[in-house]
Amino acid sequence: MKLMIKKYATPLITGLFLVSAISGTALFFHWMPGMFHSMHVWLSMVLLLPFVLHMWRNWAQFLLYFRTPAMLVACGLSLAAAIGFVLTTGHAGGNPARQLFPLLTHAPLNTLAPVLHTTPDALAERLSHEGCTVHSTDGTLEQIATDCGQKSNDLLLRLLPHHGDHGDHGDHGDHGH
């Protein structure tokens, strides 16, 4: 076990850090967030295991760093940055999707369809392709999702138009994207 930790901990930390750094940079610049978000979240969590194994193996040497002012300054700055983010962004309402999704999933299809750049009938047809039965376009996505045993948020995500797809309107302008 010790040999395996010695042989793989640092290379795994390096590889997973590179993945995390690249995916985090892509997320920062809003480049393909759908592709990078899950990768970043999950592989950053996987990164913790080799990090913990590396720290366990090198604990005595690691503790020596705390005798230097550089480690104390670096930890202090990191903590101050984290506290700064919590204080300035932690109370700003959180993830806007958590506020927006209930508004969209509780709206009747007649109201939701134009927001999704489609017609109520086309939206009902797309929902039928997702395995749901639409009795009336006056029903909400929440009701329809419950009736077909799906989560309304998941269904909404599958119904969202793709970037550049403006539905049945024939308008393919940029719209500020």
C-alpha atoms as a PDB file:
ATOM      1  CA  MET A   1       0.000   0.000   0.000  1.00  0.00           C
ATOM      2  CA  LYS A   2       2.805   2.421   0.909  1.00  0.00           C
ATOM      3  CA  LEU A   3       4.546   1.752  -2.401  1.00  0.00           C
ATOM      4  CA  MET A   4       1.305   2.368  -4.282  1.00  0.00           C
ATOM      5  CA  ILE A   5       0.756   5.667  -2.455  1.00  0.00           C
ATOM      6  CA  LYS A   6       4.369   6.692  -3.114  1.00  0.00           C
ATOM      7  CA  LYS A   7       4.146   5.699  -6.781  1.00  0.00           C
ATOM      8  CA  TYR A   8       0.722   7.182  -7.690  1.00  0.00           C
ATOM      9  CA  ALA A   9      -0.285   9.928  -5.227  1.00  0.00           C
ATOM     10  CA  THR A  10       1.801  12.757  -6.700  1.00  0.00           C
ATOM     11  CA  PRO A  11       1.180  11.822 -10.377  1.00  0.00           C
ATOM     12  CA  LEU A  12      -2.577  11.602  -9.679  1.00  0.00           C
ATOM     13  CA  ILE A  13      -2.533  14.928  -7.863  1.00  0.00           C
ATOM     14  CA  THR A  14      -0.703  16.478 -10.812  1.00  0.00           C
ATOM     15  CA  GLY A  15      -3.017  15.027 -13.461  1.00  0.00           C
ATOM     16  CA  LEU A  16      -6.215  15.812 -11.586  1.00  0.00           C
ATOM     17  CA  PHE A  17      -4.968  19.304 -10.713  1.00  0.00           C
ATOM     18  CA  LEU A  18      -4.368  19.989 -14.422  1.00  0.00           C
ATOM     19  CA  VAL A  19      -7.886  18.784 -15.253  1.00  0.00           C
ATOM     20  CA  SER A  20      -9.278  20.953 -12.442  1.00  0.00           C
ATOM     21  CA  ALA A  21      -7.245  23.979 -13.530  1.00  0.00           C
ATOM     22  CA  ILE A  22      -8.295  23.684 -17.178  1.00  0.00           C
ATOM     23  CA  SER A  23     -11.965  23.015 -16.416  1.00  0.00           C
ATOM     24  CA  GLY A  24     -12.001  25.774 -13.776  1.00  0.00           C
ATOM     25  CA  THR A  25     -10.501  28.236 -16.241  1.00  0.00           C
ATOM     26  CA  ALA A  26     -13.096  27.241 -18.851  1.00  0.00           C
ATOM     27  CA  LEU A  27     -15.865  27.761 -16.286  1.00  0.00           C
ATOM     28  CA  PHE A  28     -14.430  31.133 -15.264  1.00  0.00           C
ATOM     29  CA  PHE A  29     -14.589  32.322 -18.880  1.00  0.00           C
ATOM     30  CA  HIS A  30     -18.019  30.681 -19.438  1.00  0.00           C
ATOM     31  CA  TRP A  31     -16.607  28.495 -22.202  1.00  0.00           C
ATOM     32  CA  MET A  32     -18.722  25.356 -22.684  1.00  0.00           C
ATOM     33  CA  PRO A  33     -19.955  25.267 -19.052  1.00  0.00           C
ATOM     34  CA  GLY A  34     -22.272  22.334 -19.781  1.00  0.00           C
ATOM     35  CA  MET A  35     -19.292  20.191 -20.676  1.00  0.00           C
ATOM     36  CA  PHE A  36     -16.912  21.394 -17.970  1.00  0.00           C
ATOM     37  CA  HIS A  37     -19.129  21.817 -14.891  1.00  0.00           C
ATOM     38  CA  SER A  38     -19.649  18.139 -13.963  1.00  0.00           C
ATOM     39  CA  MET A  39     -16.074  17.291 -14.921  1.00  0.00           C
ATOM     40  CA  HIS A  40     -14.746  20.059 -12.672  1.00  0.00           C
ATOM     41  CA  VAL A  41     -16.959  19.223  -9.698  1.00  0.00           C
ATOM     42  CA  TRP A  42     -16.480  15.453  -9.751  1.00  0.00           C
ATOM     43  CA  LEU A  43     -12.810  15.268 -10.629  1.00  0.00           C
ATOM     44  CA  SER A  44     -12.006  17.958  -8.069  1.00  0.00           C
ATOM     45  CA  MET A  45     -13.639  15.695  -5.494  1.00  0.00           C
ATOM     46  CA  VAL A  46     -11.610  12.724  -6.788  1.00  0.00           C
ATOM     47  CA  LEU A  47      -8.494  14.901  -6.420  1.00  0.00           C
ATOM     48  CA  LEU A  48      -9.062  14.909  -2.655  1.00  0.00           C
ATOM     49  CA  LEU A  49      -8.228  11.191  -2.280  1.00  0.00           C
ATOM     50  CA  PRO A  50      -4.658  11.274  -3.652  1.00  0.00           C
ATOM     51  CA  PHE A  51      -4.146  14.612  -1.871  1.00  0.00           C
ATOM     52  CA  VAL A  52      -5.135  13.073   1.475  1.00  0.00           C
ATOM     53  CA  LEU A  53      -2.919  10.041   0.806  1.00  0.00           C
ATOM     54  CA  HIS A  54      -0.017  12.339  -0.128  1.00  0.00           C
ATOM     55  CA  MET A  55      -0.524  14.419   3.028  1.00  0.00           C
ATOM     56  CA  TRP A  56      -0.726  11.270   5.167  1.00  0.00           C
ATOM     57  CA  ARG A  57       2.498   9.921   3.705  1.00  0.00           C
ATOM     58  CA  ASN A  58       4.341  13.255   4.080  1.00  0.00           C
ATOM     59  CA  TRP A  59       2.729  14.541   7.283  1.00  0.00           C
ATOM     60  CA  ALA A  60       5.968  15.069   9.253  1.00  0.00           C
ATOM     61  CA  GLN A  61       7.571  17.058   6.433  1.00  0.00           C
ATOM     62  CA  PHE A  62       4.348  19.002   5.888  1.00  0.00           C
ATOM     63  CA  LEU A  63       4.277  20.161   9.517  1.00  0.00           C
ATOM     64  CA  LEU A  64       7.741  21.686   9.035  1.00  0.00           C
ATOM     65  CA  TYR A  65       6.227  24.208   6.590  1.00  0.00           C
ATOM     66  CA  PHE A  66       4.256  25.755   9.449  1.00  0.00           C
ATOM     67  CA  ARG A  67       7.506  26.895  11.020  1.00  0.00           C
ATOM     68  CA  THR A  68       8.021  29.300   8.112  1.00  0.00           C
ATOM     69  CA  PRO A  69       6.305  32.674   7.762  1.00  0.00           C
ATOM     70  CA  ALA A  70       5.555  31.897   4.093  1.00  0.00           C
ATOM     71  CA  MET A  71       3.136  29.074   4.990  1.00  0.00           C
ATOM     72  CA  LEU A  72       1.385  31.155   7.628  1.00  0.00           C
ATOM     73  CA  VAL A  73       1.072  34.127   5.247  1.00  0.00           C
ATOM     74  CA  ALA A  74      -0.203  31.888   2.413  1.00  0.00           C
ATOM     75  CA  CYS A  75      -2.783  30.225   4.678  1.00  0.00           C
ATOM     76  CA  GLY A  76      -3.850  33.588   6.101  1.00  0.00           C
ATOM     77  CA  LEU A  77      -4.280  35.103   2.627  1.00  0.00           C
ATOM     78  CA  SER A  78      -6.223  32.052   1.434  1.00  0.00           C
ATOM     79  CA  LEU A  79      -8.530  32.237   4.435  1.00  0.00           C
ATOM     80  CA  ALA A  80      -9.024  35.996   3.974  1.00  0.00           C
ATOM     81  CA  ALA A  81      -9.883  35.478   0.281  1.00  0.00           C
ATOM     82  CA  ALA A  82     -12.394  32.760   1.158  1.00  0.00           C
ATOM     83  CA  ILE A  83     -14.017  34.919   3.845  1.00  0.00           C
ATOM     84  CA  GLY A  84     -14.124  37.830   1.387  1.00  0.00           C
ATOM     85  CA  PHE A  85     -16.013  35.726  -1.142  1.00  0.00           C
ATOM     86  CA  VAL A  86     -18.442  34.456   1.485  1.00  0.00           C
ATOM     87  CA  LEU A  87     -19.165  37.956   2.749  1.00  0.00           C
ATOM     88  CA  THR A  88     -19.531  39.578  -0.674  1.00  0.00           C
ATOM     89  CA  THR A  89     -21.179  36.850  -2.763  1.00  0.00           C
ATOM     90  CA  GLY A  90     -22.623  34.358  -0.301  1.00  0.00           C
ATOM     91  CA  HIS A  91     -25.734  36.446   0.341  1.00  0.00           C
ATOM     92  CA  ALA A  92     -26.324  37.690  -3.198  1.00  0.00           C
ATOM     93  CA  GLY A  93     -29.169  35.258  -3.791  1.00  0.00           C
ATOM     94  CA  GLY A  94     -27.118  32.209  -4.694  1.00  0.00           C
ATOM     95  CA  ASN A  95     -27.532  30.323  -7.925  1.00  0.00           C
ATOM     96  CA  PRO A  96     -30.024  32.232 -10.104  1.00  0.00           C
ATOM     97  CA  ALA A  97     -31.274  28.944 -11.580  1.00  0.00           C
ATOM     98  CA  ARG A  98     -32.671  28.041  -8.160  1.00  0.00           C
ATOM     99  CA  GLN A  99     -34.803  31.166  -8.352  1.00  0.00           C
ATOM    100  CA  LEU A 100     -35.638  30.953 -12.057  1.00  0.00           C
ATOM    101  CA  PHE A 101     -36.495  27.262 -12.442  1.00  0.00           C
ATOM    102  CA  PRO A 102     -39.561  27.309 -10.133  1.00  0.00           C
ATOM    103  CA  LEU A 103     -40.922  30.289 -12.059  1.00  0.00           C
ATOM    104  CA  LEU A 104     -40.549  28.411 -15.332  1.00  0.00           C
ATOM    105  CA  THR A 105     -41.753  25.008 -14.159  1.00  0.00           C
ATOM    106  CA  HIS A 106     -44.865  26.485 -12.514  1.00  0.00           C
ATOM    107  CA  ALA A 107     -45.849  28.495 -15.593  1.00  0.00           C
ATOM    108  CA  PRO A 108     -48.520  27.098 -17.942  1.00  0.00           C
ATOM    109  CA  LEU A 109     -47.112  25.734 -21.206  1.00  0.00           C
ATOM    110  CA  ASN A 110     -48.909  28.577 -23.027  1.00  0.00           C
ATOM    111  CA  THR A 111     -46.725  31.028 -21.086  1.00  0.00           C
ATOM    112  CA  LEU A 112     -43.560  28.915 -21.072  1.00  0.00           C
ATOM    113  CA  ALA A 113     -43.474  28.159 -24.814  1.00  0.00           C
ATOM    114  CA  PRO A 114     -42.553  31.685 -26.008  1.00  0.00           C
ATOM    115  CA  VAL A 115     -39.771  31.850 -23.413  1.00  0.00           C
ATOM    116  CA  LEU A 116     -38.369  28.643 -24.938  1.00  0.00           C
ATOM    117  CA  HIS A 117     -38.737  30.096 -28.452  1.00  0.00           C
ATOM    118  CA  THR A 118     -41.444  27.660 -29.517  1.00  0.00           C
ATOM    119  CA  THR A 119     -45.225  27.294 -29.654  1.00  0.00           C
ATOM    120  CA  PRO A 120     -47.381  25.616 -26.987  1.00  0.00           C
ATOM    121  CA  ASP A 121     -48.256  22.789 -29.425  1.00  0.00           C
ATOM    122  CA  ALA A 122     -44.619  22.241 -30.396  1.00  0.00           C
ATOM    123  CA  LEU A 123     -43.686  22.209 -26.708  1.00  0.00           C
ATOM    124  CA  ALA A 124     -46.422  19.647 -26.020  1.00  0.00           C
ATOM    125  CA  GLU A 125     -45.036  17.500 -28.855  1.00  0.00           C
ATOM    126  CA  ARG A 126     -41.502  17.722 -27.458  1.00  0.00           C
ATOM    127  CA  LEU A 127     -42.853  16.693 -24.051  1.00  0.00           C
ATOM    128  CA  SER A 128     -44.535  13.666 -25.611  1.00  0.00           C
ATOM    129  CA  HIS A 129     -41.121  12.683 -27.048  1.00  0.00           C
ATOM    130  CA  GLU A 130     -39.803  12.903 -23.467  1.00  0.00           C
ATOM    131  CA  GLY A 131     -42.416  10.313 -22.394  1.00  0.00           C
ATOM    132  CA  CYS A 132     -44.993  12.718 -20.996  1.00  0.00           C
ATOM    133  CA  THR A 133     -48.667  13.143 -21.826  1.00  0.00           C
ATOM    134  CA  VAL A 134     -49.921  16.702 -22.203  1.00  0.00           C
ATOM    135  CA  HIS A 135     -53.677  16.928 -21.648  1.00  0.00           C
ATOM    136  CA  SER A 136     -53.792  20.705 -22.042  1.00  0.00           C
ATOM    137  CA  THR A 137     -51.316  23.466 -22.780  1.00  0.00           C
ATOM    138  CA  ASP A 138     -52.836  25.228 -19.760  1.00  0.00           C
ATOM    139  CA  GLY A 139     -51.011  22.679 -17.562  1.00  0.00           C
ATOM    140  CA  THR A 140     -47.664  23.487 -15.960  1.00  0.00           C
ATOM    141  CA  LEU A 141     -44.408  21.681 -16.559  1.00  0.00           C
ATOM    142  CA  GLU A 142     -44.442  20.746 -12.858  1.00  0.00           C
ATOM    143  CA  GLN A 143     -47.825  19.002 -13.219  1.00  0.00           C
ATOM    144  CA  ILE A 144     -46.832  17.264 -16.443  1.00  0.00           C
ATOM    145  CA  ALA A 145     -43.493  16.097 -15.008  1.00  0.00           C
ATOM    146  CA  THR A 146     -45.190  14.745 -11.871  1.00  0.00           C
ATOM    147  CA  ASP A 147     -47.745  12.861 -13.988  1.00  0.00           C
ATOM    148  CA  CYS A 148     -45.016  11.180 -16.046  1.00  0.00           C
ATOM    149  CA  GLY A 149     -42.727  10.454 -13.082  1.00  0.00           C
ATOM    150  CA  GLN A 150     -39.974  12.904 -13.972  1.00  0.00           C
ATOM    151  CA  LYS A 151     -38.398  15.868 -12.219  1.00  0.00           C
ATOM    152  CA  SER A 152     -39.611  19.179 -13.620  1.00  0.00           C
ATOM    153  CA  ASN A 153     -36.118  20.752 -13.512  1.00  0.00           C
ATOM    154  CA  ASP A 154     -34.610  17.858 -15.475  1.00  0.00           C
ATOM    155  CA  LEU A 155     -37.401  18.064 -18.020  1.00  0.00           C
ATOM    156  CA  LEU A 156     -36.935  21.826 -18.345  1.00  0.00           C
ATOM    157  CA  LEU A 157     -33.202  21.412 -18.970  1.00  0.00           C
ATOM    158  CA  ARG A 158     -33.934  18.980 -21.820  1.00  0.00           C
ATOM    159  CA  LEU A 159     -36.423  21.436 -23.317  1.00  0.00           C
ATOM    160  CA  LEU A 160     -34.150  24.477 -23.295  1.00  0.00           C
ATOM    161  CA  PRO A 161     -33.142  25.636 -26.768  1.00  0.00           C
ATOM    162  CA  HIS A 162     -29.519  25.160 -27.693  1.00  0.00           C
ATOM    163  CA  HIS A 163     -27.294  28.222 -28.097  1.00  0.00           C
ATOM    164  CA  GLY A 164     -28.123  29.776 -31.445  1.00  0.00           C
ATOM    165  CA  ASP A 165     -31.388  27.803 -31.731  1.00  0.00           C
ATOM    166  CA  HIS A 166     -34.229  30.277 -31.761  1.00  0.00           C
ATOM    167  CA  GLY A 167     -37.023  27.830 -32.414  1.00  0.00           C
ATOM    168  CA  ASP A 168     -39.816  28.452 -34.864  1.00  0.00           C
ATOM    169  CA  HIS A 169     -39.311  32.210 -35.147  1.00  0.00           C
ATOM    170  CA  GLY A 170     -36.810  32.072 -38.003  1.00  0.00           C
ATOM    171  CA  ASP A 171     -34.816  34.794 -36.239  1.00  0.00           C
ATOM    172  CA  HIS A 172     -31.208  33.704 -36.072  1.00  0.00           C
ATOM    173  CA  GLY A 173     -29.756  36.970 -34.825  1.00  0.00           C
ATOM    174  CA  ASP A 174     -27.189  37.120 -32.064  1.00  0.00           C
ATOM    175  CA  HIS A 175     -29.529  38.445 -29.297  1.00  0.00           C
ATOM    176  CA  GLY A 176     -26.506  39.629 -27.340  1.00  0.00           C
ATOM    177  CA  HIS A 177     -25.032  36.152 -26.776  1.00  0.00           C
END
